[in-house]
Amino acid sequence: MAKLIPLEDYVLIEAIKDENTTASGIILPDSKEKPNKGKVVSVGPGKTLDNGSKSSIDVTVGDVVYFTQYAPDEIELDEAGEKVKYLVIKHSSLLAKEGK
């Protein structure tokens, strides 16, 4: 689990890769496209508004979200000796979240 806390209205996301096998068992080649779906790992406190209050962020840790393909920035953290890649994205670039 990342110990990184995003600033303002940024969200830290762990990418979810698309399935490489169809329902009938056909294995698909890996796509070179960037992911557009991920699991929320950490959420910033919200952007500070002109009146001094914080804007609300309507995603929480554990939500599965969809975002535009080229919106996130990729960062790599060293966790327990292992390199782990995360995506950092502005809240406004999130398109949807899966219902529970």
PDB file of N, CA and C in Angstrom:
ATOM      1  N   MET A   1       0.842  -1.186   0.000  1.00  0.00           N
ATOM      2  CA  MET A   1       0.000   0.000   0.000  1.00  0.00           C
ATOM      3  C   MET A   1       0.880   1.240   0.000  1.00  0.00           C
ATOM      4  N   ALA A   2       0.553   2.167  -0.830  1.00  0.00           N
ATOM      5  CA  ALA A   2       1.349   3.388  -0.961  1.00  0.00           C
ATOM      6  C   ALA A   2       1.169   4.282   0.258  1.00  0.00           C
ATOM      7  N   LYS A   3       2.273   4.873   0.683  1.00  0.00           N
ATOM      8  CA  LYS A   3       2.230   5.824   1.787  1.00  0.00           C
ATOM      9  C   LYS A   3       2.312   7.236   1.249  1.00  0.00           C
ATOM     10  N   LEU A   4       1.931   7.388   0.005  1.00  0.00           N
ATOM     11  CA  LEU A   4       1.975   8.668  -0.670  1.00  0.00           C
ATOM     12  C   LEU A   4       0.598   9.313  -0.583  1.00  0.00           C
ATOM     13  N   ILE A   5       0.559  10.566  -0.139  1.00  0.00           N
ATOM     14  CA  ILE A   5      -0.709  11.287  -0.020  1.00  0.00           C
ATOM     15  C   ILE A   5      -0.731  12.376  -1.088  1.00  0.00           C
ATOM     16  N   PRO A   6      -1.663  12.303  -2.032  1.00  0.00           N
ATOM     17  CA  PRO A   6      -1.746  13.321  -3.083  1.00  0.00           C
ATOM     18  C   PRO A   6      -2.118  14.686  -2.509  1.00  0.00           C
ATOM     19  N   LEU A   7      -1.700  15.730  -3.182  1.00  0.00           N
ATOM     20  CA  LEU A   7      -2.031  17.092  -2.782  1.00  0.00           C
ATOM     21  C   LEU A   7      -3.307  17.550  -3.470  1.00  0.00           C
ATOM     22  N   GLU A   8      -3.947  18.515  -2.867  1.00  0.00           N
ATOM     23  CA  GLU A   8      -5.160  19.147  -3.386  1.00  0.00           C
ATOM     24  C   GLU A   8      -6.171  18.149  -3.943  1.00  0.00           C
ATOM     25  N   ASP A   9      -6.527  18.294  -5.227  1.00  0.00           N
ATOM     26  CA  ASP A   9      -7.580  17.451  -5.810  1.00  0.00           C
ATOM     27  C   ASP A   9      -7.009  16.347  -6.688  1.00  0.00           C
ATOM     28  N   TYR A  10      -5.835  15.842  -6.318  1.00  0.00           N
ATOM     29  CA  TYR A  10      -5.241  14.724  -7.045  1.00  0.00           C
ATOM     30  C   TYR A  10      -5.629  13.403  -6.400  1.00  0.00           C
ATOM     31  N   VAL A  11      -5.642  12.352  -7.223  1.00  0.00           N
ATOM     32  CA  VAL A  11      -6.017  11.010  -6.765  1.00  0.00           C
ATOM     33  C   VAL A  11      -4.910  10.053  -7.194  1.00  0.00           C
ATOM     34  N   LEU A  12      -4.477   9.177  -6.286  1.00  0.00           N
ATOM     35  CA  LEU A  12      -3.470   8.161  -6.578  1.00  0.00           C
ATOM     36  C   LEU A  12      -4.189   6.871  -6.943  1.00  0.00           C
ATOM     37  N   ILE A  13      -3.841   6.300  -8.106  1.00  0.00           N
ATOM     38  CA  ILE A  13      -4.569   5.154  -8.649  1.00  0.00           C
ATOM     39  C   ILE A  13      -3.608   4.030  -8.997  1.00  0.00           C
ATOM     40  N   GLU A  14      -4.030   2.809  -8.721  1.00  0.00           N
ATOM     41  CA  GLU A  14      -3.308   1.624  -9.163  1.00  0.00           C
ATOM     42  C   GLU A  14      -4.022   1.118 -10.410  1.00  0.00           C
ATOM     43  N   ALA A  15      -3.303   1.046 -11.525  1.00  0.00           N
ATOM     44  CA  ALA A  15      -3.913   0.662 -12.803  1.00  0.00           C
ATOM     45  C   ALA A  15      -4.438  -0.763 -12.755  1.00  0.00           C
ATOM     46  N   ILE A  16      -5.561  -0.975 -13.422  1.00  0.00           N
ATOM     47  CA  ILE A  16      -6.135  -2.313 -13.592  1.00  0.00           C
ATOM     48  C   ILE A  16      -5.983  -2.654 -15.061  1.00  0.00           C
ATOM     49  N   LYS A  17      -5.267  -3.722 -15.338  1.00  0.00           N
ATOM     50  CA  LYS A  17      -5.038  -4.127 -16.721  1.00  0.00           C
ATOM     51  C   LYS A  17      -6.258  -4.868 -17.249  1.00  0.00           C
ATOM     52  N   ASP A  18      -6.518  -4.673 -18.527  1.00  0.00           N
ATOM     53  CA  ASP A  18      -7.619  -5.380 -19.184  1.00  0.00           C
ATOM     54  C   ASP A  18      -7.284  -6.861 -19.288  1.00  0.00           C
ATOM     55  N   GLU A  19      -8.317  -7.668 -19.360  1.00  0.00           N
ATOM     56  CA  GLU A  19      -8.140  -9.113 -19.496  1.00  0.00           C
ATOM     57  C   GLU A  19      -7.443  -9.441 -20.810  1.00  0.00           C
ATOM     58  N   ASN A  20      -6.534 -10.409 -20.775  1.00  0.00           N
ATOM     59  CA  ASN A  20      -5.829 -10.829 -21.977  1.00  0.00           C
ATOM     60  C   ASN A  20      -6.424 -12.079 -22.599  1.00  0.00           C
ATOM     61  N   THR A  21      -7.514 -12.584 -22.018  1.00  0.00           N
ATOM     62  CA  THR A  21      -8.144 -13.797 -22.524  1.00  0.00           C
ATOM     63  C   THR A  21      -9.627 -13.534 -22.740  1.00  0.00           C
ATOM     64  N   THR A  22     -10.151 -13.974 -23.875  1.00  0.00           N
ATOM     65  CA  THR A  22     -11.578 -13.811 -24.144  1.00  0.00           C
ATOM     66  C   THR A  22     -12.362 -14.876 -23.376  1.00  0.00           C
ATOM     67  N   ALA A  23     -13.678 -14.756 -23.385  1.00  0.00           N
ATOM     68  CA  ALA A  23     -14.540 -15.715 -22.695  1.00  0.00           C
ATOM     69  C   ALA A  23     -14.366 -17.132 -23.242  1.00  0.00           C
ATOM     70  N   SER A  24     -14.009 -17.239 -24.504  1.00  0.00           N
ATOM     71  CA  SER A  24     -13.829 -18.567 -25.113  1.00  0.00           C
ATOM     72  C   SER A  24     -12.415 -19.117 -24.931  1.00  0.00           C
ATOM     73  N   GLY A  25     -11.533 -18.336 -24.257  1.00  0.00           N
ATOM     74  CA  GLY A  25     -10.194 -18.824 -23.965  1.00  0.00           C
ATOM     75  C   GLY A  25      -9.116 -18.388 -24.921  1.00  0.00           C
ATOM     76  N   ILE A  26      -9.437 -17.521 -25.872  1.00  0.00           N
ATOM     77  CA  ILE A  26      -8.437 -17.031 -26.824  1.00  0.00           C
ATOM     78  C   ILE A  26      -7.562 -15.994 -26.120  1.00  0.00           C
ATOM     79  N   ILE A  27      -6.241 -16.179 -26.178  1.00  0.00           N
ATOM     80  CA  ILE A  27      -5.310 -15.261 -25.537  1.00  0.00           C
ATOM     81  C   ILE A  27      -5.019 -14.108 -26.493  1.00  0.00           C
ATOM     82  N   LEU A  28      -5.232 -12.884 -25.995  1.00  0.00           N
ATOM     83  CA  LEU A  28      -5.003 -11.684 -26.795  1.00  0.00           C
ATOM     84  C   LEU A  28      -3.603 -11.140 -26.518  1.00  0.00           C
ATOM     85  N   PRO A  29      -2.949 -10.546 -27.504  1.00  0.00           N
ATOM     86  CA  PRO A  29      -1.626  -9.967 -27.266  1.00  0.00           C
ATOM     87  C   PRO A  29      -1.732  -8.745 -26.356  1.00  0.00           C
ATOM     88  N   ASP A  30      -0.647  -8.462 -25.628  1.00  0.00           N
ATOM     89  CA  ASP A  30      -0.631  -7.289 -24.762  1.00  0.00           C
ATOM     90  C   ASP A  30      -0.781  -6.027 -25.594  1.00  0.00           C
ATOM     91  N   SER A  31      -1.579  -5.114 -25.083  1.00  0.00           N
ATOM     92  CA  SER A  31      -1.785  -3.841 -25.751  1.00  0.00           C
ATOM     93  C   SER A  31      -0.757  -2.842 -25.239  1.00  0.00           C
ATOM     94  N   LYS A  32      -0.284  -1.978 -26.101  1.00  0.00           N
ATOM     95  CA  LYS A  32       0.681  -0.948 -25.711  1.00  0.00           C
ATOM     96  C   LYS A  32      -0.026   0.322 -25.267  1.00  0.00           C
ATOM     97  N   GLU A  33      -1.353   0.307 -25.276  1.00  0.00           N
ATOM     98  CA  GLU A  33      -2.105   1.481 -24.872  1.00  0.00           C
ATOM     99  C   GLU A  33      -2.030   1.668 -23.364  1.00  0.00           C
ATOM    100  N   LYS A  34      -2.111   2.932 -22.948  1.00  0.00           N
ATOM    101  CA  LYS A  34      -2.117   3.238 -21.527  1.00  0.00           C
ATOM    102  C   LYS A  34      -3.446   2.770 -20.927  1.00  0.00           C
ATOM    103  N   PRO A  35      -3.441   2.432 -19.636  1.00  0.00           N
ATOM    104  CA  PRO A  35      -4.702   2.002 -19.012  1.00  0.00           C
ATOM    105  C   PRO A  35      -5.667   3.171 -18.864  1.00  0.00           C
ATOM    106  N   ASN A  36      -6.961   2.847 -18.743  1.00  0.00           N
ATOM    107  CA  ASN A  36      -7.957   3.884 -18.509  1.00  0.00           C
ATOM    108  C   ASN A  36      -8.916   3.481 -17.387  1.00  0.00           C
ATOM    109  N   LYS A  37      -8.488   2.531 -16.573  1.00  0.00           N
ATOM    110  CA  LYS A  37      -9.292   2.044 -15.458  1.00  0.00           C
ATOM    111  C   LYS A  37      -8.343   1.733 -14.309  1.00  0.00           C
ATOM    112  N   GLY A  38      -8.758   2.046 -13.087  1.00  0.00           N
ATOM    113  CA  GLY A  38      -7.889   1.763 -11.955  1.00  0.00           C
ATOM    114  C   GLY A  38      -8.615   1.801 -10.628  1.00  0.00           C
ATOM    115  N   LYS A  39      -7.893   1.375  -9.599  1.00  0.00           N
ATOM    116  CA  LYS A  39      -8.428   1.333  -8.237  1.00  0.00           C
ATOM    117  C   LYS A  39      -7.803   2.481  -7.447  1.00  0.00           C
ATOM    118  N   VAL A  40      -8.634   3.253  -6.756  1.00  0.00           N
ATOM    119  CA  VAL A  40      -8.172   4.397  -5.979  1.00  0.00           C
ATOM    120  C   VAL A  40      -7.399   3.897  -4.754  1.00  0.00           C
ATOM    121  N   VAL A  41      -6.167   4.397  -4.611  1.00  0.00           N
ATOM    122  CA  VAL A  41      -5.292   4.009  -3.508  1.00  0.00           C
ATOM    123  C   VAL A  41      -5.252   5.088  -2.435  1.00  0.00           C
ATOM    124  N   SER A  42      -5.281   6.356  -2.862  1.00  0.00           N
ATOM    125  CA  SER A  42      -5.219   7.473  -1.928  1.00  0.00           C
ATOM    126  C   SER A  42      -5.864   8.693  -2.579  1.00  0.00           C
ATOM    127  N   VAL A  43      -6.436   9.567  -1.763  1.00  0.00           N
ATOM    128  CA  VAL A  43      -7.143  10.746  -2.259  1.00  0.00           C
ATOM    129  C   VAL A  43      -6.643  11.978  -1.519  1.00  0.00           C
ATOM    130  N   GLY A  44      -6.406  13.064  -2.275  1.00  0.00           N
ATOM    131  CA  GLY A  44      -5.992  14.326  -1.665  1.00  0.00           C
ATOM    132  C   GLY A  44      -7.140  14.961  -0.887  1.00  0.00           C
ATOM    133  N   PRO A  45      -6.831  16.005  -0.113  1.00  0.00           N
ATOM    134  CA  PRO A  45      -7.851  16.649   0.727  1.00  0.00           C
ATOM    135  C   PRO A  45      -8.853  17.508  -0.031  1.00  0.00           C
ATOM    136  N   GLY A  46      -8.578  17.821  -1.287  1.00  0.00           N
ATOM    137  CA  GLY A  46      -9.457  18.692  -2.080  1.00  0.00           C
ATOM    138  C   GLY A  46      -8.785  20.025  -2.332  1.00  0.00           C
ATOM    139  N   LYS A  47      -9.189  20.668  -3.399  1.00  0.00           N
ATOM    140  CA  LYS A  47      -8.607  21.954  -3.778  1.00  0.00           C
ATOM    141  C   LYS A  47      -9.143  23.049  -2.867  1.00  0.00           C
ATOM    142  N   THR A  48      -8.276  23.982  -2.489  1.00  0.00           N
ATOM    143  CA  THR A  48      -8.695  25.109  -1.664  1.00  0.00           C
ATOM    144  C   THR A  48      -9.405  26.128  -2.541  1.00  0.00           C
ATOM    145  N   LEU A  49     -10.637  26.428  -2.187  1.00  0.00           N
ATOM    146  CA  LEU A  49     -11.451  27.385  -2.943  1.00  0.00           C
ATOM    147  C   LEU A  49     -11.147  28.816  -2.506  1.00  0.00           C
ATOM    148  N   ASP A  50     -11.655  29.795  -3.248  1.00  0.00           N
ATOM    149  CA  ASP A  50     -11.406  31.208  -2.943  1.00  0.00           C
ATOM    150  C   ASP A  50     -11.886  31.604  -1.551  1.00  0.00           C
ATOM    151  N   ASN A  51     -12.947  30.970  -1.061  1.00  0.00           N
ATOM    152  CA  ASN A  51     -13.471  31.310   0.263  1.00  0.00           C
ATOM    153  C   ASN A  51     -12.752  30.577   1.394  1.00  0.00           C
ATOM    154  N   GLY A  52     -11.716  29.785   1.061  1.00  0.00           N
ATOM    155  CA  GLY A  52     -10.920  29.106   2.079  1.00  0.00           C
ATOM    156  C   GLY A  52     -11.355  27.688   2.386  1.00  0.00           C
ATOM    157  N   SER A  53     -12.524  27.284   1.894  1.00  0.00           N
ATOM    158  CA  SER A  53     -12.981  25.912   2.147  1.00  0.00           C
ATOM    159  C   SER A  53     -12.367  24.964   1.115  1.00  0.00           C
ATOM    160  N   LYS A  54     -12.495  23.682   1.369  1.00  0.00           N
ATOM    161  CA  LYS A  54     -11.958  22.667   0.454  1.00  0.00           C
ATOM    162  C   LYS A  54     -13.085  22.120  -0.412  1.00  0.00           C
ATOM    163  N   SER A  55     -12.776  21.875  -1.690  1.00  0.00           N
ATOM    164  CA  SER A  55     -13.756  21.253  -2.574  1.00  0.00           C
ATOM    165  C   SER A  55     -13.861  19.774  -2.201  1.00  0.00           C
ATOM    166  N   SER A  56     -15.013  19.201  -2.414  1.00  0.00           N
ATOM    167  CA  SER A  56     -15.198  17.796  -2.058  1.00  0.00           C
ATOM    168  C   SER A  56     -14.756  16.903  -3.213  1.00  0.00           C
ATOM    169  N   ILE A  57     -14.248  15.725  -2.869  1.00  0.00           N
ATOM    170  CA  ILE A  57     -13.858  14.731  -3.859  1.00  0.00           C
ATOM    171  C   ILE A  57     -14.766  13.538  -3.655  1.00  0.00           C
ATOM    172  N   ASP A  58     -15.460  13.133  -4.720  1.00  0.00           N
ATOM    173  CA  ASP A  58     -16.492  12.105  -4.587  1.00  0.00           C
ATOM    174  C   ASP A  58     -16.020  10.689  -4.894  1.00  0.00           C
ATOM    175  N   VAL A  59     -14.742  10.418  -4.698  1.00  0.00           N
ATOM    176  CA  VAL A  59     -14.231   9.044  -4.773  1.00  0.00           C
ATOM    177  C   VAL A  59     -13.523   8.739  -3.463  1.00  0.00           C
ATOM    178  N   THR A  60     -13.526   7.469  -3.091  1.00  0.00           N
ATOM    179  CA  THR A  60     -12.865   7.053  -1.868  1.00  0.00           C
ATOM    180  C   THR A  60     -11.908   5.914  -2.167  1.00  0.00           C
ATOM    181  N   VAL A  61     -11.042   5.630  -1.222  1.00  0.00           N
ATOM    182  CA  VAL A  61     -10.078   4.543  -1.376  1.00  0.00           C
ATOM    183  C   VAL A  61     -10.834   3.245  -1.640  1.00  0.00           C
ATOM    184  N   GLY A  62     -10.411   2.513  -2.660  1.00  0.00           N
ATOM    185  CA  GLY A  62     -11.044   1.249  -3.026  1.00  0.00           C
ATOM    186  C   GLY A  62     -11.989   1.349  -4.206  1.00  0.00           C
ATOM    187  N   ASP A  63     -12.427   2.562  -4.564  1.00  0.00           N
ATOM    188  CA  ASP A  63     -13.312   2.729  -5.722  1.00  0.00           C
ATOM    189  C   ASP A  63     -12.579   2.365  -7.007  1.00  0.00           C
ATOM    190  N   VAL A  64     -13.293   1.791  -7.961  1.00  0.00           N
ATOM    191  CA  VAL A  64     -12.755   1.542  -9.290  1.00  0.00           C
ATOM    192  C   VAL A  64     -13.249   2.675 -10.179  1.00  0.00           C
ATOM    193  N   VAL A  65     -12.296   3.388 -10.787  1.00  0.00           N
ATOM    194  CA  VAL A  65     -12.627   4.583 -11.568  1.00  0.00           C
ATOM    195  C   VAL A  65     -12.157   4.450 -13.007  1.00  0.00           C
ATOM    196  N   TYR A  66     -12.782   5.227 -13.878  1.00  0.00           N
ATOM    197  CA  TYR A  66     -12.409   5.307 -15.288  1.00  0.00           C
ATOM    198  C   TYR A  66     -11.937   6.731 -15.551  1.00  0.00           C
ATOM    199  N   PHE A  67     -10.926   6.864 -16.399  1.00  0.00           N
ATOM    200  CA  PHE A  67     -10.358   8.178 -16.665  1.00  0.00           C
ATOM    201  C   PHE A  67      -9.888   8.252 -18.109  1.00  0.00           C
ATOM    202  N   THR A  68      -9.618   9.459 -18.571  1.00  0.00           N
ATOM    203  CA  THR A  68      -9.141   9.630 -19.939  1.00  0.00           C
ATOM    204  C   THR A  68      -7.760   9.011 -20.070  1.00  0.00           C
ATOM    205  N   GLN A  69      -7.484   8.465 -21.221  1.00  0.00           N
ATOM    206  CA  GLN A  69      -6.290   7.651 -21.440  1.00  0.00           C
ATOM    207  C   GLN A  69      -4.982   8.399 -21.199  1.00  0.00           C
ATOM    208  N   TYR A  70      -4.895   9.651 -21.577  1.00  0.00           N
ATOM    209  CA  TYR A  70      -3.631  10.369 -21.458  1.00  0.00           C
ATOM    210  C   TYR A  70      -3.610  11.374 -20.311  1.00  0.00           C
ATOM    211  N   ALA A  71      -4.588  11.337 -19.410  1.00  0.00           N
ATOM    212  CA  ALA A  71      -4.649  12.270 -18.297  1.00  0.00           C
ATOM    213  C   ALA A  71      -3.649  11.967 -17.180  1.00  0.00           C
ATOM    214  N   PRO A  72      -3.414  10.700 -16.819  1.00  0.00           N
ATOM    215  CA  PRO A  72      -2.585  10.463 -15.633  1.00  0.00           C
ATOM    216  C   PRO A  72      -1.088  10.621 -15.883  1.00  0.00           C
ATOM    217  N   ASP A  73      -0.399  10.980 -14.804  1.00  0.00           N
ATOM    218  CA  ASP A  73       1.057  10.957 -14.772  1.00  0.00           C
ATOM    219  C   ASP A  73       1.455   9.698 -14.019  1.00  0.00           C
ATOM    220  N   GLU A  74       2.494   9.031 -14.479  1.00  0.00           N
ATOM    221  CA  GLU A  74       2.928   7.776 -13.869  1.00  0.00           C
ATOM    222  C   GLU A  74       4.088   8.039 -12.925  1.00  0.00           C
ATOM    223  N   ILE A  75       4.023   7.452 -11.726  1.00  0.00           N
ATOM    224  CA  ILE A  75       5.136   7.527 -10.786  1.00  0.00           C
ATOM    225  C   ILE A  75       5.481   6.114 -10.352  1.00  0.00           C
ATOM    226  N   GLU A  76       6.711   5.938  -9.931  1.00  0.00           N
ATOM    227  CA  GLU A  76       7.178   4.624  -9.509  1.00  0.00           C
ATOM    228  C   GLU A  76       7.721   4.744  -8.091  1.00  0.00           C
ATOM    229  N   LEU A  77       7.229   3.900  -7.183  1.00  0.00           N
ATOM    230  CA  LEU A  77       7.665   3.908  -5.792  1.00  0.00           C
ATOM    231  C   LEU A  77       8.352   2.601  -5.452  1.00  0.00           C
ATOM    232  N   ASP A  78       9.276   2.664  -4.521  1.00  0.00           N
ATOM    233  CA  ASP A  78       9.958   1.474  -4.042  1.00  0.00           C
ATOM    234  C   ASP A  78       9.255   1.034  -2.760  1.00  0.00           C
ATOM    235  N   GLU A  79       8.549  -0.083  -2.827  1.00  0.00           N
ATOM    236  CA  GLU A  79       7.817  -0.610  -1.671  1.00  0.00           C
ATOM    237  C   GLU A  79       8.342  -1.993  -1.343  1.00  0.00           C
ATOM    238  N   ALA A  80       8.963  -2.116  -0.189  1.00  0.00           N
ATOM    239  CA  ALA A  80       9.517  -3.395   0.281  1.00  0.00           C
ATOM    240  C   ALA A  80      10.484  -3.984  -0.746  1.00  0.00           C
ATOM    241  N   GLY A  81      11.324  -3.115  -1.324  1.00  0.00           N
ATOM    242  CA  GLY A  81      12.311  -3.566  -2.283  1.00  0.00           C
ATOM    243  C   GLY A  81      11.773  -3.868  -3.661  1.00  0.00           C
ATOM    244  N   GLU A  82      10.518  -3.564  -3.888  1.00  0.00           N
ATOM    245  CA  GLU A  82       9.876  -3.849  -5.175  1.00  0.00           C
ATOM    246  C   GLU A  82       9.376  -2.548  -5.789  1.00  0.00           C
ATOM    247  N   LYS A  83       9.601  -2.354  -7.078  1.00  0.00           N
ATOM    248  CA  LYS A  83       9.134  -1.158  -7.777  1.00  0.00           C
ATOM    249  C   LYS A  83       7.649  -1.323  -8.122  1.00  0.00           C
ATOM    250  N   VAL A  84       6.842  -0.351  -7.697  1.00  0.00           N
ATOM    251  CA  VAL A  84       5.410  -0.386  -7.956  1.00  0.00           C
ATOM    252  C   VAL A  84       5.034   0.903  -8.675  1.00  0.00           C
ATOM    253  N   LYS A  85       4.275   0.775  -9.779  1.00  0.00           N
ATOM    254  CA  LYS A  85       3.854   1.933 -10.555  1.00  0.00           C
ATOM    255  C   LYS A  85       2.446   2.363 -10.156  1.00  0.00           C
ATOM    256  N   TYR A  86       2.286   3.669  -9.985  1.00  0.00           N
ATOM    257  CA  TYR A  86       0.987   4.256  -9.687  1.00  0.00           C
ATOM    258  C   TYR A  86       0.716   5.369 -10.679  1.00  0.00           C
ATOM    259  N   LEU A  87      -0.547   5.749 -10.788  1.00  0.00           N
ATOM    260  CA  LEU A  87      -0.966   6.857 -11.631  1.00  0.00           C
ATOM    261  C   LEU A  87      -1.470   7.973 -10.727  1.00  0.00           C
ATOM    262  N   VAL A  88      -1.110   9.199 -11.041  1.00  0.00           N
ATOM    263  CA  VAL A  88      -1.611  10.365 -10.317  1.00  0.00           C
ATOM    264  C   VAL A  88      -2.436  11.167 -11.310  1.00  0.00           C
ATOM    265  N   ILE A  89      -3.663  11.483 -10.909  1.00  0.00           N
ATOM    266  CA  ILE A  89      -4.586  12.136 -11.837  1.00  0.00           C
ATOM    267  C   ILE A  89      -5.429  13.170 -11.091  1.00  0.00           C
ATOM    268  N   LYS A  90      -5.737  14.271 -11.779  1.00  0.00           N
ATOM    269  CA  LYS A  90      -6.618  15.277 -11.178  1.00  0.00           C
ATOM    270  C   LYS A  90      -8.047  14.728 -11.096  1.00  0.00           C
ATOM    271  N   HIS A  91      -8.737  15.108 -10.068  1.00  0.00           N
ATOM    272  CA  HIS A  91     -10.116  14.670  -9.863  1.00  0.00           C
ATOM    273  C   HIS A  91     -10.989  15.021 -11.061  1.00  0.00           C
ATOM    274  N   SER A  92     -10.740  16.162 -11.675  1.00  0.00           N
ATOM    275  CA  SER A  92     -11.561  16.598 -12.812  1.00  0.00           C
ATOM    276  C   SER A  92     -11.363  15.732 -14.058  1.00  0.00           C
ATOM    277  N   SER A  93     -10.297  14.924 -14.110  1.00  0.00           N
ATOM    278  CA  SER A  93     -10.054  14.038 -15.255  1.00  0.00           C
ATOM    279  C   SER A  93     -10.702  12.674 -15.085  1.00  0.00           C
ATOM    280  N   LEU A  94     -11.304  12.420 -13.936  1.00  0.00           N
ATOM    281  CA  LEU A  94     -12.027  11.168 -13.738  1.00  0.00           C
ATOM    282  C   LEU A  94     -13.365  11.238 -14.474  1.00  0.00           C
ATOM    283  N   LEU A  95     -13.699  10.167 -15.163  1.00  0.00           N
ATOM    284  CA  LEU A  95     -14.925  10.144 -15.950  1.00  0.00           C
ATOM    285  C   LEU A  95     -16.091   9.489 -15.223  1.00  0.00           C
ATOM    286  N   ALA A  96     -15.814   8.401 -14.503  1.00  0.00           N
ATOM    287  CA  ALA A  96     -16.880   7.640 -13.846  1.00  0.00           C
ATOM    288  C   ALA A  96     -16.266   6.717 -12.800  1.00  0.00           C
ATOM    289  N   LYS A  97     -17.124   6.190 -11.934  1.00  0.00           N
ATOM    290  CA  LYS A  97     -16.699   5.163 -10.993  1.00  0.00           C
ATOM    291  C   LYS A  97     -17.727   4.055 -11.008  1.00  0.00           C
ATOM    292  N   GLU A  98     -17.278   2.838 -10.723  1.00  0.00           N
ATOM    293  CA  GLU A  98     -18.192   1.691 -10.724  1.00  0.00           C
ATOM    294  C   GLU A  98     -19.083   1.765  -9.489  1.00  0.00           C
ATOM    295  N   GLY A  99     -20.352   1.449  -9.689  1.00  0.00           N
ATOM    296  CA  GLY A  99     -21.297   1.414  -8.581  1.00  0.00           C
ATOM    297  C   GLY A  99     -21.066   0.200  -7.722  1.00  0.00           C
ATOM    298  N   LYS A 100     -21.497   0.286  -6.493  1.00  0.00           N
ATOM    299  CA  LYS A 100     -21.293  -0.821  -5.544  1.00  0.00           C
ATOM    300  C   LYS A 100     -22.545  -1.609  -5.376  1.00  0.00           C
TER     301      LYS A 100
END
